[in-house]
């Protein structure tokens, strides 16, 4: 019997989350490849959701709490990995 795991979609936009990936547990090359081969649906400071149902929990590309005090906005994961 196969167990079906349901993941909560933090964006509440109707997309089904099928897989959760922690950015910190993957190499930069793996994240770049994921970005190249998938369509980004939604993104915020903590998560990135792709059309195929993959949800990335941000780690390296996440904005630091102290940056909020300096009035900095979060950087898109695409822009973050362009400069890495």
PDB file of N, CA and C in Angstrom:
ATOM      1  N   UNK A   1       0.848  -1.185   0.000  1.00  0.00           N
ATOM      2  CA  UNK A   1       0.000   0.000   0.000  1.00  0.00           C
ATOM      3  C   UNK A   1       0.892   1.246   0.000  1.00  0.00           C
ATOM      4  N   UNK A   2       0.629   2.147  -0.914  1.00  0.00           N
ATOM      5  CA  UNK A   2       1.413   3.374  -1.048  1.00  0.00           C
ATOM      6  C   UNK A   2       0.794   4.474  -0.213  1.00  0.00           C
ATOM      7  N   UNK A   3       1.631   5.124   0.593  1.00  0.00           N
ATOM      8  CA  UNK A   3       1.158   6.205   1.435  1.00  0.00           C
ATOM      9  C   UNK A   3       1.198   7.517   0.653  1.00  0.00           C
ATOM     10  N   UNK A   4       0.112   8.253   0.683  1.00  0.00           N
ATOM     11  CA  UNK A   4       0.034   9.547   0.015  1.00  0.00           C
ATOM     12  C   UNK A   4       0.286  10.631   1.056  1.00  0.00           C
ATOM     13  N   UNK A   5       1.308  11.438   0.807  1.00  0.00           N
ATOM     14  CA  UNK A   5       1.649  12.518   1.723  1.00  0.00           C
ATOM     15  C   UNK A   5       1.157  13.826   1.139  1.00  0.00           C
ATOM     16  N   UNK A   6       0.413  14.564   1.921  1.00  0.00           N
ATOM     17  CA  UNK A   6      -0.085  15.863   1.480  1.00  0.00           C
ATOM     18  C   UNK A   6       0.774  16.951   2.118  1.00  0.00           C
ATOM     19  N   UNK A   7       1.241  17.877   1.292  1.00  0.00           N
ATOM     20  CA  UNK A   7       2.017  19.005   1.773  1.00  0.00           C
ATOM     21  C   UNK A   7       1.153  20.251   1.722  1.00  0.00           C
ATOM     22  N   UNK A   8       1.310  21.086   2.702  1.00  0.00           N
ATOM     23  CA  UNK A   8       0.559  22.339   2.755  1.00  0.00           C
ATOM     24  C   UNK A   8       1.177  23.357   1.802  1.00  0.00           C
ATOM     25  N   UNK A   9       0.360  23.986   0.989  1.00  0.00           N
ATOM     26  CA  UNK A   9       0.820  25.017   0.065  1.00  0.00           C
ATOM     27  C   UNK A   9       0.792  26.361   0.799  1.00  0.00           C
ATOM     28  N   UNK A  10       1.958  26.967   1.061  1.00  0.00           N
ATOM     29  CA  UNK A  10       1.982  28.238   1.804  1.00  0.00           C
ATOM     30  C   UNK A  10       1.413  29.416   1.014  1.00  0.00           C
ATOM     31  N   UNK A  11       1.210  29.259  -0.279  1.00  0.00           N
ATOM     32  CA  UNK A  11       0.709  30.360  -1.112  1.00  0.00           C
ATOM     33  C   UNK A  11      -0.809  30.325  -1.274  1.00  0.00           C
ATOM     34  N   UNK A  12      -1.425  29.192  -0.967  1.00  0.00           N
ATOM     35  CA  UNK A  12      -2.881  29.043  -1.060  1.00  0.00           C
ATOM     36  C   UNK A  12      -3.410  29.471  -2.426  1.00  0.00           C
ATOM     37  N   UNK A  13      -2.694  29.102  -3.492  1.00  0.00           N
ATOM     38  CA  UNK A  13      -3.101  29.513  -4.836  1.00  0.00           C
ATOM     39  C   UNK A  13      -3.707  28.367  -5.645  1.00  0.00           C
ATOM     40  N   UNK A  14      -4.014  27.260  -5.000  1.00  0.00           N
ATOM     41  CA  UNK A  14      -4.652  26.146  -5.683  1.00  0.00           C
ATOM     42  C   UNK A  14      -3.692  25.131  -6.265  1.00  0.00           C
ATOM     43  N   UNK A  15      -2.408  25.423  -6.336  1.00  0.00           N
ATOM     44  CA  UNK A  15      -1.431  24.458  -6.841  1.00  0.00           C
ATOM     45  C   UNK A  15      -1.196  23.373  -5.801  1.00  0.00           C
ATOM     46  N   UNK A  16      -1.030  22.157  -6.260  1.00  0.00           N
ATOM     47  CA  UNK A  16      -0.751  21.040  -5.370  1.00  0.00           C
ATOM     48  C   UNK A  16       0.748  20.911  -5.171  1.00  0.00           C
ATOM     49  N   UNK A  17       1.168  20.791  -3.938  1.00  0.00           N
ATOM     50  CA  UNK A  17       2.579  20.594  -3.618  1.00  0.00           C
ATOM     51  C   UNK A  17       2.820  19.089  -3.551  1.00  0.00           C
ATOM     52  N   UNK A  18       3.731  18.611  -4.396  1.00  0.00           N
ATOM     53  CA  UNK A  18       4.018  17.174  -4.450  1.00  0.00           C
ATOM     54  C   UNK A  18       5.359  16.813  -3.835  1.00  0.00           C
ATOM     55  N   UNK A  19       6.261  17.789  -3.751  1.00  0.00           N
ATOM     56  CA  UNK A  19       7.604  17.524  -3.236  1.00  0.00           C
ATOM     57  C   UNK A  19       8.133  18.779  -2.573  1.00  0.00           C
ATOM     58  N   UNK A  20       8.798  18.600  -1.416  1.00  0.00           N
ATOM     59  CA  UNK A  20       9.406  19.721  -0.708  1.00  0.00           C
ATOM     60  C   UNK A  20      10.908  19.515  -0.694  1.00  0.00           C
ATOM     61  N   UNK A  21      11.647  20.564  -1.070  1.00  0.00           N
ATOM     62  CA  UNK A  21      13.107  20.522  -1.127  1.00  0.00           C
ATOM     63  C   UNK A  21      13.656  21.622  -0.227  1.00  0.00           C
ATOM     64  N   UNK A  22      14.624  21.269   0.612  1.00  0.00           N
ATOM     65  CA  UNK A  22      15.294  22.264   1.443  1.00  0.00           C
ATOM     66  C   UNK A  22      16.503  22.774   0.666  1.00  0.00           C
ATOM     67  N   UNK A  23      16.519  24.058   0.377  1.00  0.00           N
ATOM     68  CA  UNK A  23      17.595  24.651  -0.427  1.00  0.00           C
ATOM     69  C   UNK A  23      18.972  24.411   0.199  1.00  0.00           C
ATOM     70  N   UNK A  24      19.044  24.465   1.506  1.00  0.00           N
ATOM     71  CA  UNK A  24      20.324  24.299   2.192  1.00  0.00           C
ATOM     72  C   UNK A  24      20.896  22.888   2.069  1.00  0.00           C
ATOM     73  N   UNK A  25      20.042  21.907   1.803  1.00  0.00           N
ATOM     74  CA  UNK A  25      20.517  20.532   1.695  1.00  0.00           C
ATOM     75  C   UNK A  25      20.947  20.160   0.278  1.00  0.00           C
ATOM     76  N   UNK A  26      20.781  21.074  -0.667  1.00  0.00           N
ATOM     77  CA  UNK A  26      21.168  20.845  -2.055  1.00  0.00           C
ATOM     78  C   UNK A  26      22.326  21.756  -2.425  1.00  0.00           C
ATOM     79  N   UNK A  27      23.119  21.321  -3.391  1.00  0.00           N
ATOM     80  CA  UNK A  27      24.226  22.165  -3.854  1.00  0.00           C
ATOM     81  C   UNK A  27      23.676  23.302  -4.723  1.00  0.00           C
ATOM     82  N   UNK A  28      24.499  24.327  -4.900  1.00  0.00           N
ATOM     83  CA  UNK A  28      24.099  25.443  -5.763  1.00  0.00           C
ATOM     84  C   UNK A  28      23.835  24.968  -7.180  1.00  0.00           C
ATOM     85  N   UNK A  29      24.629  24.021  -7.669  1.00  0.00           N
ATOM     86  CA  UNK A  29      24.436  23.486  -9.023  1.00  0.00           C
ATOM     87  C   UNK A  29      23.093  22.781  -9.149  1.00  0.00           C
ATOM     88  N   UNK A  30      22.677  22.054  -8.108  1.00  0.00           N
ATOM     89  CA  UNK A  30      21.384  21.369  -8.155  1.00  0.00           C
ATOM     90  C   UNK A  30      20.234  22.369  -8.174  1.00  0.00           C
ATOM     91  N   UNK A  31      20.341  23.427  -7.389  1.00  0.00           N
ATOM     92  CA  UNK A  31      19.283  24.441  -7.365  1.00  0.00           C
ATOM     93  C   UNK A  31      19.231  25.179  -8.701  1.00  0.00           C
ATOM     94  N   UNK A  32      20.391  25.507  -9.271  1.00  0.00           N
ATOM     95  CA  UNK A  32      20.422  26.169 -10.584  1.00  0.00           C
ATOM     96  C   UNK A  32      19.748  25.304 -11.643  1.00  0.00           C
ATOM     97  N   UNK A  33      20.022  24.000 -11.608  1.00  0.00           N
ATOM     98  CA  UNK A  33      19.408  23.081 -12.572  1.00  0.00           C
ATOM     99  C   UNK A  33      17.895  23.032 -12.387  1.00  0.00           C
ATOM    100  N   UNK A  34      17.448  23.016 -11.150  1.00  0.00           N
ATOM    101  CA  UNK A  34      16.014  23.022 -10.858  1.00  0.00           C
ATOM    102  C   UNK A  34      15.363  24.290 -11.394  1.00  0.00           C
ATOM    103  N   UNK A  35      16.042  25.431 -11.244  1.00  0.00           N
ATOM    104  CA  UNK A  35      15.517  26.703 -11.741  1.00  0.00           C
ATOM    105  C   UNK A  35      15.462  26.746 -13.265  1.00  0.00           C
ATOM    106  N   UNK A  36      16.450  26.128 -13.923  1.00  0.00           N
ATOM    107  CA  UNK A  36      16.507  26.135 -15.383  1.00  0.00           C
ATOM    108  C   UNK A  36      15.421  25.277 -16.020  1.00  0.00           C
ATOM    109  N   UNK A  37      15.042  24.197 -15.353  1.00  0.00           N
ATOM    110  CA  UNK A  37      14.150  23.217 -15.969  1.00  0.00           C
ATOM    111  C   UNK A  37      12.715  23.268 -15.459  1.00  0.00           C
ATOM    112  N   UNK A  38      12.378  24.235 -14.627  1.00  0.00           N
ATOM    113  CA  UNK A  38      11.029  24.332 -14.081  1.00  0.00           C
ATOM    114  C   UNK A  38      10.537  25.765 -14.127  1.00  0.00           C
ATOM    115  N   UNK A  39       9.220  25.909 -14.237  1.00  0.00           N
ATOM    116  CA  UNK A  39       8.594  27.224 -14.294  1.00  0.00           C
ATOM    117  C   UNK A  39       8.207  27.650 -12.886  1.00  0.00           C
ATOM    118  N   UNK A  40       8.683  28.815 -12.467  1.00  0.00           N
ATOM    119  CA  UNK A  40       8.391  29.357 -11.149  1.00  0.00           C
ATOM    120  C   UNK A  40       6.972  29.919 -11.143  1.00  0.00           C
ATOM    121  N   UNK A  41       6.169  29.525 -10.152  1.00  0.00           N
ATOM    122  CA  UNK A  41       4.787  29.986 -10.053  1.00  0.00           C
ATOM    123  C   UNK A  41       4.656  31.129  -9.056  1.00  0.00           C
ATOM    124  N   UNK A  42       5.276  30.963  -7.890  1.00  0.00           N
ATOM    125  CA  UNK A  42       5.148  31.967  -6.844  1.00  0.00           C
ATOM    126  C   UNK A  42       6.372  31.923  -5.930  1.00  0.00           C
ATOM    127  N   UNK A  43       6.659  33.044  -5.301  1.00  0.00           N
ATOM    128  CA  UNK A  43       7.827  33.133  -4.425  1.00  0.00           C
ATOM    129  C   UNK A  43       7.598  34.195  -3.366  1.00  0.00           C
ATOM    130  N   UNK A  44       8.101  33.922  -2.173  1.00  0.00           N
ATOM    131  CA  UNK A  44       8.135  34.941  -1.128  1.00  0.00           C
ATOM    132  C   UNK A  44       9.463  34.828  -0.389  1.00  0.00           C
ATOM    133  N   UNK A  45       9.566  35.409   0.791  1.00  0.00           N
ATOM    134  CA  UNK A  45      10.833  35.422   1.524  1.00  0.00           C
ATOM    135  C   UNK A  45      11.296  34.040   1.963  1.00  0.00           C
ATOM    136  N   UNK A  46      10.349  33.096   2.124  1.00  0.00           N
ATOM    137  CA  UNK A  46      10.673  31.798   2.709  1.00  0.00           C
ATOM    138  C   UNK A  46      10.535  30.612   1.771  1.00  0.00           C
ATOM    139  N   UNK A  47       9.721  30.733   0.732  1.00  0.00           N
ATOM    140  CA  UNK A  47       9.421  29.596  -0.134  1.00  0.00           C
ATOM    141  C   UNK A  47       9.403  29.984  -1.611  1.00  0.00           C
ATOM    142  N   UNK A  48       9.631  28.958  -2.455  1.00  0.00           N
ATOM    143  CA  UNK A  48       9.510  29.099  -3.908  1.00  0.00           C
ATOM    144  C   UNK A  48       8.667  27.913  -4.384  1.00  0.00           C
ATOM    145  N   UNK A  49       7.633  28.180  -5.177  1.00  0.00           N
ATOM    146  CA  UNK A  49       6.760  27.132  -5.693  1.00  0.00           C
ATOM    147  C   UNK A  49       6.897  27.059  -7.205  1.00  0.00           C
ATOM    148  N   UNK A  50       7.078  25.833  -7.714  1.00  0.00           N
ATOM    149  CA  UNK A  50       7.193  25.608  -9.149  1.00  0.00           C
ATOM    150  C   UNK A  50       5.928  24.964  -9.693  1.00  0.00           C
ATOM    151  N   UNK A  51       5.735  25.086 -10.998  1.00  0.00           N
ATOM    152  CA  UNK A  51       4.557  24.573 -11.681  1.00  0.00           C
ATOM    153  C   UNK A  51       4.391  23.066 -11.512  1.00  0.00           C
ATOM    154  N   UNK A  52       5.508  22.339 -11.385  1.00  0.00           N
ATOM    155  CA  UNK A  52       5.429  20.882 -11.255  1.00  0.00           C
ATOM    156  C   UNK A  52       5.105  20.431  -9.834  1.00  0.00           C
ATOM    157  N   UNK A  53       4.852  21.361  -8.919  1.00  0.00           N
ATOM    158  CA  UNK A  53       4.473  21.030  -7.555  1.00  0.00           C
ATOM    159  C   UNK A  53       5.627  20.969  -6.578  1.00  0.00           C
ATOM    160  N   UNK A  54       6.826  21.311  -7.014  1.00  0.00           N
ATOM    161  CA  UNK A  54       7.983  21.320  -6.131  1.00  0.00           C
ATOM    162  C   UNK A  54       8.013  22.628  -5.340  1.00  0.00           C
ATOM    163  N   UNK A  55       8.162  22.495  -4.032  1.00  0.00           N
ATOM    164  CA  UNK A  55       8.250  23.641  -3.142  1.00  0.00           C
ATOM    165  C   UNK A  55       9.648  23.661  -2.539  1.00  0.00           C
ATOM    166  N   UNK A  56      10.354  24.778  -2.700  1.00  0.00           N
ATOM    167  CA  UNK A  56      11.688  24.920  -2.120  1.00  0.00           C
ATOM    168  C   UNK A  56      11.581  25.783  -0.872  1.00  0.00           C
ATOM    169  N   UNK A  57      12.097  25.259   0.228  1.00  0.00           N
ATOM    170  CA  UNK A  57      12.218  26.040   1.454  1.00  0.00           C
ATOM    171  C   UNK A  57      13.558  26.752   1.371  1.00  0.00           C
ATOM    172  N   UNK A  58      13.521  28.080   1.323  1.00  0.00           N
ATOM    173  CA  UNK A  58      14.743  28.857   1.143  1.00  0.00           C
ATOM    174  C   UNK A  58      15.679  28.733   2.339  1.00  0.00           C
ATOM    175  N   UNK A  59      16.964  28.756   2.041  1.00  0.00           N
ATOM    176  CA  UNK A  59      17.997  28.737   3.064  1.00  0.00           C
ATOM    177  C   UNK A  59      19.036  29.781   2.729  1.00  0.00           C
ATOM    178  N   UNK A  60      19.899  29.480   1.754  1.00  0.00           N
ATOM    179  CA  UNK A  60      20.963  30.417   1.346  1.00  0.00           C
ATOM    180  C   UNK A  60      20.399  31.708   0.777  1.00  0.00           C
ATOM    181  N   UNK A  61      19.344  31.640   0.000  1.00  0.00           N
ATOM    182  CA  UNK A  61      18.817  32.827  -0.683  1.00  0.00           C
ATOM    183  C   UNK A  61      17.805  33.598   0.157  1.00  0.00           C
ATOM    184  N   UNK A  62      17.552  33.128   1.357  1.00  0.00           N
ATOM    185  CA  UNK A  62      16.574  33.787   2.218  1.00  0.00           C
ATOM    186  C   UNK A  62      17.161  35.076   2.782  1.00  0.00           C
ATOM    187  N   UNK A  63      16.301  36.054   2.958  1.00  0.00           N
ATOM    188  CA  UNK A  63      16.730  37.332   3.512  1.00  0.00           C
ATOM    189  C   UNK A  63      16.971  37.175   5.019  1.00  0.00           C
ATOM    190  N   UNK A  64      18.013  37.783   5.503  1.00  0.00           N
ATOM    191  CA  UNK A  64      18.324  37.736   6.933  1.00  0.00           C
ATOM    192  C   UNK A  64      17.384  38.658   7.701  1.00  0.00           C
ATOM    193  N   UNK A  65      17.068  38.287   8.910  1.00  0.00           N
ATOM    194  CA  UNK A  65      16.173  39.097   9.733  1.00  0.00           C
ATOM    195  C   UNK A  65      16.718  40.511   9.912  1.00  0.00           C
ATOM    196  N   UNK A  66      18.019  40.637  10.056  1.00  0.00           N
ATOM    197  CA  UNK A  66      18.615  41.962  10.238  1.00  0.00           C
ATOM    198  C   UNK A  66      18.449  42.848   9.000  1.00  0.00           C
ATOM    199  N   UNK A  67      18.274  42.232   7.832  1.00  0.00           N
ATOM    200  CA  UNK A  67      18.084  43.019   6.612  1.00  0.00           C
ATOM    201  C   UNK A  67      16.752  43.777   6.624  1.00  0.00           C
ATOM    202  N   UNK A  68      15.764  43.250   7.336  1.00  0.00           N
ATOM    203  CA  UNK A  68      14.488  43.964   7.437  1.00  0.00           C
ATOM    204  C   UNK A  68      14.680  45.301   8.149  1.00  0.00           C
ATOM    205  N   UNK A  69      15.577  45.314   9.123  1.00  0.00           N
ATOM    206  CA  UNK A  69      15.839  46.561   9.848  1.00  0.00           C
ATOM    207  C   UNK A  69      16.526  47.585   8.966  1.00  0.00           C
ATOM    208  N   UNK A  70      17.244  47.118   7.952  1.00  0.00           N
ATOM    209  CA  UNK A  70      17.927  48.009   7.006  1.00  0.00           C
ATOM    210  C   UNK A  70      17.060  48.316   5.795  1.00  0.00           C
ATOM    211  N   UNK A  71      15.794  47.915   5.868  1.00  0.00           N
ATOM    212  CA  UNK A  71      14.805  48.180   4.822  1.00  0.00           C
ATOM    213  C   UNK A  71      15.134  47.508   3.493  1.00  0.00           C
ATOM    214  N   UNK A  72      15.836  46.374   3.521  1.00  0.00           N
ATOM    215  CA  UNK A  72      16.135  45.634   2.298  1.00  0.00           C
ATOM    216  C   UNK A  72      14.994  44.685   1.989  1.00  0.00           C
ATOM    217  N   UNK A  73      14.715  44.480   0.720  1.00  0.00           N
ATOM    218  CA  UNK A  73      13.684  43.559   0.270  1.00  0.00           C
ATOM    219  C   UNK A  73      14.322  42.237  -0.123  1.00  0.00           C
ATOM    220  N   UNK A  74      13.495  41.184  -0.150  1.00  0.00           N
ATOM    221  CA  UNK A  74      14.056  39.891  -0.519  1.00  0.00           C
ATOM    222  C   UNK A  74      14.447  39.869  -1.989  1.00  0.00           C
ATOM    223  N   UNK A  75      15.464  39.083  -2.294  1.00  0.00           N
ATOM    224  CA  UNK A  75      15.983  38.933  -3.641  1.00  0.00           C
ATOM    225  C   UNK A  75      15.398  37.659  -4.235  1.00  0.00           C
ATOM    226  N   UNK A  76      14.908  37.738  -5.454  1.00  0.00           N
ATOM    227  CA  UNK A  76      14.365  36.574  -6.121  1.00  0.00           C
ATOM    228  C   UNK A  76      15.421  35.464  -6.191  1.00  0.00           C
ATOM    229  N   UNK A  77      14.986  34.222  -6.071  1.00  0.00           N
ATOM    230  CA  UNK A  77      15.930  33.087  -6.112  1.00  0.00           C
ATOM    231  C   UNK A  77      16.652  33.043  -7.461  1.00  0.00           C
ATOM    232  N   UNK A  78      15.968  33.445  -8.525  1.00  0.00           N
ATOM    233  CA  UNK A  78      16.619  33.496  -9.840  1.00  0.00           C
ATOM    234  C   UNK A  78      17.770  34.491  -9.844  1.00  0.00           C
ATOM    235  N   UNK A  79      17.559  35.652  -9.285  1.00  0.00           N
ATOM    236  CA  UNK A  79      18.613  36.671  -9.226  1.00  0.00           C
ATOM    237  C   UNK A  79      19.749  36.232  -8.303  1.00  0.00           C
ATOM    238  N   UNK A  80      19.426  35.580  -7.198  1.00  0.00           N
ATOM    239  CA  UNK A  80      20.431  35.126  -6.260  1.00  0.00           C
ATOM    240  C   UNK A  80      21.382  34.128  -6.937  1.00  0.00           C
ATOM    241  N   UNK A  81      20.837  33.189  -7.707  1.00  0.00           N
ATOM    242  CA  UNK A  81      21.682  32.183  -8.336  1.00  0.00           C
ATOM    243  C   UNK A  81      22.330  32.666  -9.633  1.00  0.00           C
ATOM    244  N   UNK A  82      21.923  33.811 -10.166  1.00  0.00           N
ATOM    245  CA  UNK A  82      22.631  34.417 -11.297  1.00  0.00           C
ATOM    246  C   UNK A  82      23.979  34.940 -10.836  1.00  0.00           C
ATOM    247  N   UNK A  83      24.037  35.482  -9.611  1.00  0.00           N
ATOM    248  CA  UNK A  83      25.264  36.091  -9.125  1.00  0.00           C
ATOM    249  C   UNK A  83      26.189  35.112  -8.416  1.00  0.00           C
ATOM    250  N   UNK A  84      25.692  33.920  -8.064  1.00  0.00           N
ATOM    251  CA  UNK A  84      26.527  32.928  -7.361  1.00  0.00           C
ATOM    252  C   UNK A  84      27.448  32.251  -8.321  1.00  0.00           C
TER     253      UNK A  84
END
